[in-house]
Amino acid sequence: MFLIIVIAAVIAVMWWLSVTQSATNTFSLQQARAFQAARAGLEYGIARSLTSQTCSSFNLEGFQVAVICGSSTILQASVPEEGRDLVFHRVEATATYGSPGDPDYAYRRLTAVVEQP
């Protein structure tokens, strides 16, 4: 009887480890996909910002990607050695999948600042 209980406990522990391993792999994959979706949104926002177009949100393979663009100008008088006004564009991309509390929820936010050539 003791041997049956020990074997059953070992089987239960192995099953629990298997479920945990599977959930961890799925979570890691979703987070990697969220990072790539946010990166795509960042590249999209940089391209739109440099061509003076407005940024917008979009869906990408189930991910909701929100892109926010803004720009600021530093006048030549502030930086005389540049010989021109400096224009900086700030782009923020946020990728989400699912909603908080879901087992497959993923969220990534990336930000970049680009100087206009």
C-alpha atoms as a PDB file:
ATOM      1  CA  MET A   1       0.000   0.000   0.000  1.00  0.00           C
ATOM      2  CA  PHE A   2       2.835   2.369   0.865  1.00  0.00           C
ATOM      3  CA  LEU A   3       4.455   1.773  -2.536  1.00  0.00           C
ATOM      4  CA  ILE A   4       1.198   2.601  -4.370  1.00  0.00           C
ATOM      5  CA  ILE A   5       0.897   5.900  -2.467  1.00  0.00           C
ATOM      6  CA  VAL A   6       4.504   6.843  -3.245  1.00  0.00           C
ATOM      7  CA  ILE A   7       4.084   6.036  -6.947  1.00  0.00           C
ATOM      8  CA  ALA A   8       0.817   8.020  -7.085  1.00  0.00           C
ATOM      9  CA  ALA A   9       2.543  11.006  -5.443  1.00  0.00           C
ATOM     10  CA  VAL A  10       5.413  10.845  -7.938  1.00  0.00           C
ATOM     11  CA  ILE A  11       2.937  10.715 -10.847  1.00  0.00           C
ATOM     12  CA  ALA A  12       1.026  13.699  -9.445  1.00  0.00           C
ATOM     13  CA  VAL A  13       4.234  15.741  -9.067  1.00  0.00           C
ATOM     14  CA  MET A  14       5.324  14.856 -12.616  1.00  0.00           C
ATOM     15  CA  TRP A  15       1.915  15.900 -13.989  1.00  0.00           C
ATOM     16  CA  TRP A  16       2.069  19.210 -12.105  1.00  0.00           C
ATOM     17  CA  LEU A  17       5.596  19.908 -13.425  1.00  0.00           C
ATOM     18  CA  SER A  18       4.425  19.143 -16.958  1.00  0.00           C
ATOM     19  CA  VAL A  19       1.493  21.563 -16.714  1.00  0.00           C
ATOM     20  CA  THR A  20       3.732  24.276 -15.231  1.00  0.00           C
ATOM     21  CA  GLN A  21       6.357  23.792 -17.952  1.00  0.00           C
ATOM     22  CA  SER A  22       3.722  24.047 -20.679  1.00  0.00           C
ATOM     23  CA  ALA A  23       2.212  27.217 -19.209  1.00  0.00           C
ATOM     24  CA  THR A  24       5.665  28.794 -18.856  1.00  0.00           C
ATOM     25  CA  ASN A  25       6.521  28.052 -22.488  1.00  0.00           C
ATOM     26  CA  THR A  26       3.208  29.483 -23.701  1.00  0.00           C
ATOM     27  CA  PHE A  27       3.673  32.620 -21.593  1.00  0.00           C
ATOM     28  CA  SER A  28       7.230  33.128 -22.889  1.00  0.00           C
ATOM     29  CA  LEU A  29       6.064  32.748 -26.476  1.00  0.00           C
ATOM     30  CA  GLN A  30       3.251  35.285 -26.004  1.00  0.00           C
ATOM     31  CA  GLN A  31       5.643  37.788 -24.434  1.00  0.00           C
ATOM     32  CA  ALA A  32       8.081  37.391 -27.348  1.00  0.00           C
ATOM     33  CA  ARG A  33       5.245  37.917 -29.824  1.00  0.00           C
ATOM     34  CA  ALA A  34       4.123  41.015 -27.892  1.00  0.00           C
ATOM     35  CA  PHE A  35       7.665  42.409 -28.076  1.00  0.00           C
ATOM     36  CA  GLN A  36       7.793  41.875 -31.844  1.00  0.00           C
ATOM     37  CA  ALA A  37       4.362  43.468 -32.315  1.00  0.00           C
ATOM     38  CA  ALA A  38       5.466  46.511 -30.276  1.00  0.00           C
ATOM     39  CA  ARG A  39       8.657  46.690 -32.308  1.00  0.00           C
ATOM     40  CA  ALA A  40       6.650  46.655 -35.543  1.00  0.00           C
ATOM     41  CA  GLY A  41       4.510  49.462 -34.139  1.00  0.00           C
ATOM     42  CA  LEU A  42       7.629  51.432 -33.241  1.00  0.00           C
ATOM     43  CA  GLU A  43       9.034  51.099 -36.763  1.00  0.00           C
ATOM     44  CA  TYR A  44       5.655  52.058 -38.224  1.00  0.00           C
ATOM     45  CA  GLY A  45       5.484  55.118 -35.961  1.00  0.00           C
ATOM     46  CA  ILE A  46       9.017  56.230 -36.815  1.00  0.00           C
ATOM     47  CA  ALA A  47       8.310  55.982 -40.549  1.00  0.00           C
ATOM     48  CA  ARG A  48       5.020  57.896 -40.193  1.00  0.00           C
ATOM     49  CA  SER A  49       6.543  60.537 -37.934  1.00  0.00           C
ATOM     50  CA  LEU A  50       9.515  61.254 -40.210  1.00  0.00           C
ATOM     51  CA  THR A  51       7.173  61.766 -43.179  1.00  0.00           C
ATOM     52  CA  SER A  52       4.896  64.090 -41.143  1.00  0.00           C
ATOM     53  CA  GLN A  53       1.953  61.689 -41.195  1.00  0.00           C
ATOM     54  CA  THR A  54      -0.301  60.916 -38.253  1.00  0.00           C
ATOM     55  CA  CYS A  55       0.161  57.746 -36.248  1.00  0.00           C
ATOM     56  CA  SER A  56      -2.697  55.365 -35.551  1.00  0.00           C
ATOM     57  CA  SER A  57      -3.424  52.059 -33.854  1.00  0.00           C
ATOM     58  CA  PHE A  58      -3.711  48.751 -35.668  1.00  0.00           C
ATOM     59  CA  ASN A  59      -4.166  45.018 -35.122  1.00  0.00           C
ATOM     60  CA  LEU A  60      -1.388  42.548 -35.836  1.00  0.00           C
ATOM     61  CA  GLU A  61      -2.026  38.804 -35.516  1.00  0.00           C
ATOM     62  CA  GLY A  62      -4.419  39.268 -32.603  1.00  0.00           C
ATOM     63  CA  PHE A  63      -2.334  41.961 -30.887  1.00  0.00           C
ATOM     64  CA  GLN A  64      -3.741  45.459 -30.460  1.00  0.00           C
ATOM     65  CA  VAL A  65      -0.863  47.850 -31.205  1.00  0.00           C
ATOM     66  CA  ALA A  66      -1.293  51.473 -30.087  1.00  0.00           C
ATOM     67  CA  VAL A  67       1.186  53.972 -31.548  1.00  0.00           C
ATOM     68  CA  ILE A  68       1.625  57.504 -30.191  1.00  0.00           C
ATOM     69  CA  CYS A  69       3.839  60.028 -32.002  1.00  0.00           C
ATOM     70  CA  GLY A  70       5.027  63.455 -30.942  1.00  0.00           C
ATOM     71  CA  SER A  71       7.747  65.875 -31.971  1.00  0.00           C
ATOM     72  CA  SER A  72       9.680  68.764 -30.483  1.00  0.00           C
ATOM     73  CA  THR A  73      11.995  71.343 -31.991  1.00  0.00           C
ATOM     74  CA  ILE A  74      15.117  72.845 -30.459  1.00  0.00           C
ATOM     75  CA  LEU A  75      15.811  76.184 -32.111  1.00  0.00           C
ATOM     76  CA  GLN A  76      19.159  76.960 -33.676  1.00  0.00           C
ATOM     77  CA  ALA A  77      19.735  79.726 -31.132  1.00  0.00           C
ATOM     78  CA  SER A  78      19.837  77.075 -28.374  1.00  0.00           C
ATOM     79  CA  VAL A  79      22.415  74.926 -30.198  1.00  0.00           C
ATOM     80  CA  PRO A  80      24.445  77.269 -32.448  1.00  0.00           C
ATOM     81  CA  GLU A  81      27.100  74.676 -33.324  1.00  0.00           C
ATOM     82  CA  GLU A  82      24.477  72.602 -35.194  1.00  0.00           C
ATOM     83  CA  GLY A  83      23.720  75.391 -37.645  1.00  0.00           C
ATOM     84  CA  ARG A  84      20.074  74.331 -37.918  1.00  0.00           C
ATOM     85  CA  ASP A  85      16.991  73.674 -35.825  1.00  0.00           C
ATOM     86  CA  LEU A  86      16.908  70.200 -34.295  1.00  0.00           C
ATOM     87  CA  VAL A  87      13.682  68.224 -34.631  1.00  0.00           C
ATOM     88  CA  PHE A  88      13.156  65.185 -32.408  1.00  0.00           C
ATOM     89  CA  HIS A  89      10.334  62.686 -32.795  1.00  0.00           C
ATOM     90  CA  ARG A  90       9.192  60.578 -29.832  1.00  0.00           C
ATOM     91  CA  VAL A  91       7.342  57.389 -30.702  1.00  0.00           C
ATOM     92  CA  GLU A  92       5.711  55.007 -28.215  1.00  0.00           C
ATOM     93  CA  ALA A  93       4.251  51.652 -29.233  1.00  0.00           C
ATOM     94  CA  THR A  94       2.219  49.448 -26.903  1.00  0.00           C
ATOM     95  CA  ALA A  95       1.210  45.903 -27.854  1.00  0.00           C
ATOM     96  CA  THR A  96      -1.412  43.977 -25.864  1.00  0.00           C
ATOM     97  CA  TYR A  97      -2.998  40.576 -26.264  1.00  0.00           C
ATOM     98  CA  GLY A  98      -6.022  39.570 -24.217  1.00  0.00           C
ATOM     99  CA  SER A  99      -6.894  41.363 -21.016  1.00  0.00           C
ATOM    100  CA  PRO A 100      -5.225  41.433 -17.588  1.00  0.00           C
ATOM    101  CA  GLY A 101      -6.027  38.302 -15.642  1.00  0.00           C
ATOM    102  CA  ASP A 102      -6.248  36.053 -18.709  1.00  0.00           C
ATOM    103  CA  PRO A 103      -3.709  33.214 -18.709  1.00  0.00           C
ATOM    104  CA  ASP A 104      -2.389  34.247 -22.132  1.00  0.00           C
ATOM    105  CA  TYR A 105      -2.282  38.017 -21.466  1.00  0.00           C
ATOM    106  CA  ALA A 106       0.783  39.722 -22.933  1.00  0.00           C
ATOM    107  CA  TYR A 107       1.860  43.386 -22.803  1.00  0.00           C
ATOM    108  CA  ARG A 108       4.922  45.231 -24.076  1.00  0.00           C
ATOM    109  CA  ARG A 109       5.663  48.944 -24.479  1.00  0.00           C
ATOM    110  CA  LEU A 110       8.629  50.352 -26.402  1.00  0.00           C
ATOM    111  CA  THR A 111       9.709  53.977 -26.794  1.00  0.00           C
ATOM    112  CA  ALA A 112      12.147  55.618 -29.206  1.00  0.00           C
ATOM    113  CA  VAL A 113      13.388  59.143 -29.828  1.00  0.00           C
ATOM    114  CA  VAL A 114      14.619  59.893 -33.338  1.00  0.00           C
ATOM    115  CA  GLU A 115      16.319  63.018 -34.679  1.00  0.00           C
ATOM    116  CA  GLN A 116      15.051  64.099 -38.065  1.00  0.00           C
ATOM    117  CA  PRO A 117      17.931  64.264 -40.540  1.00  0.00           C
END
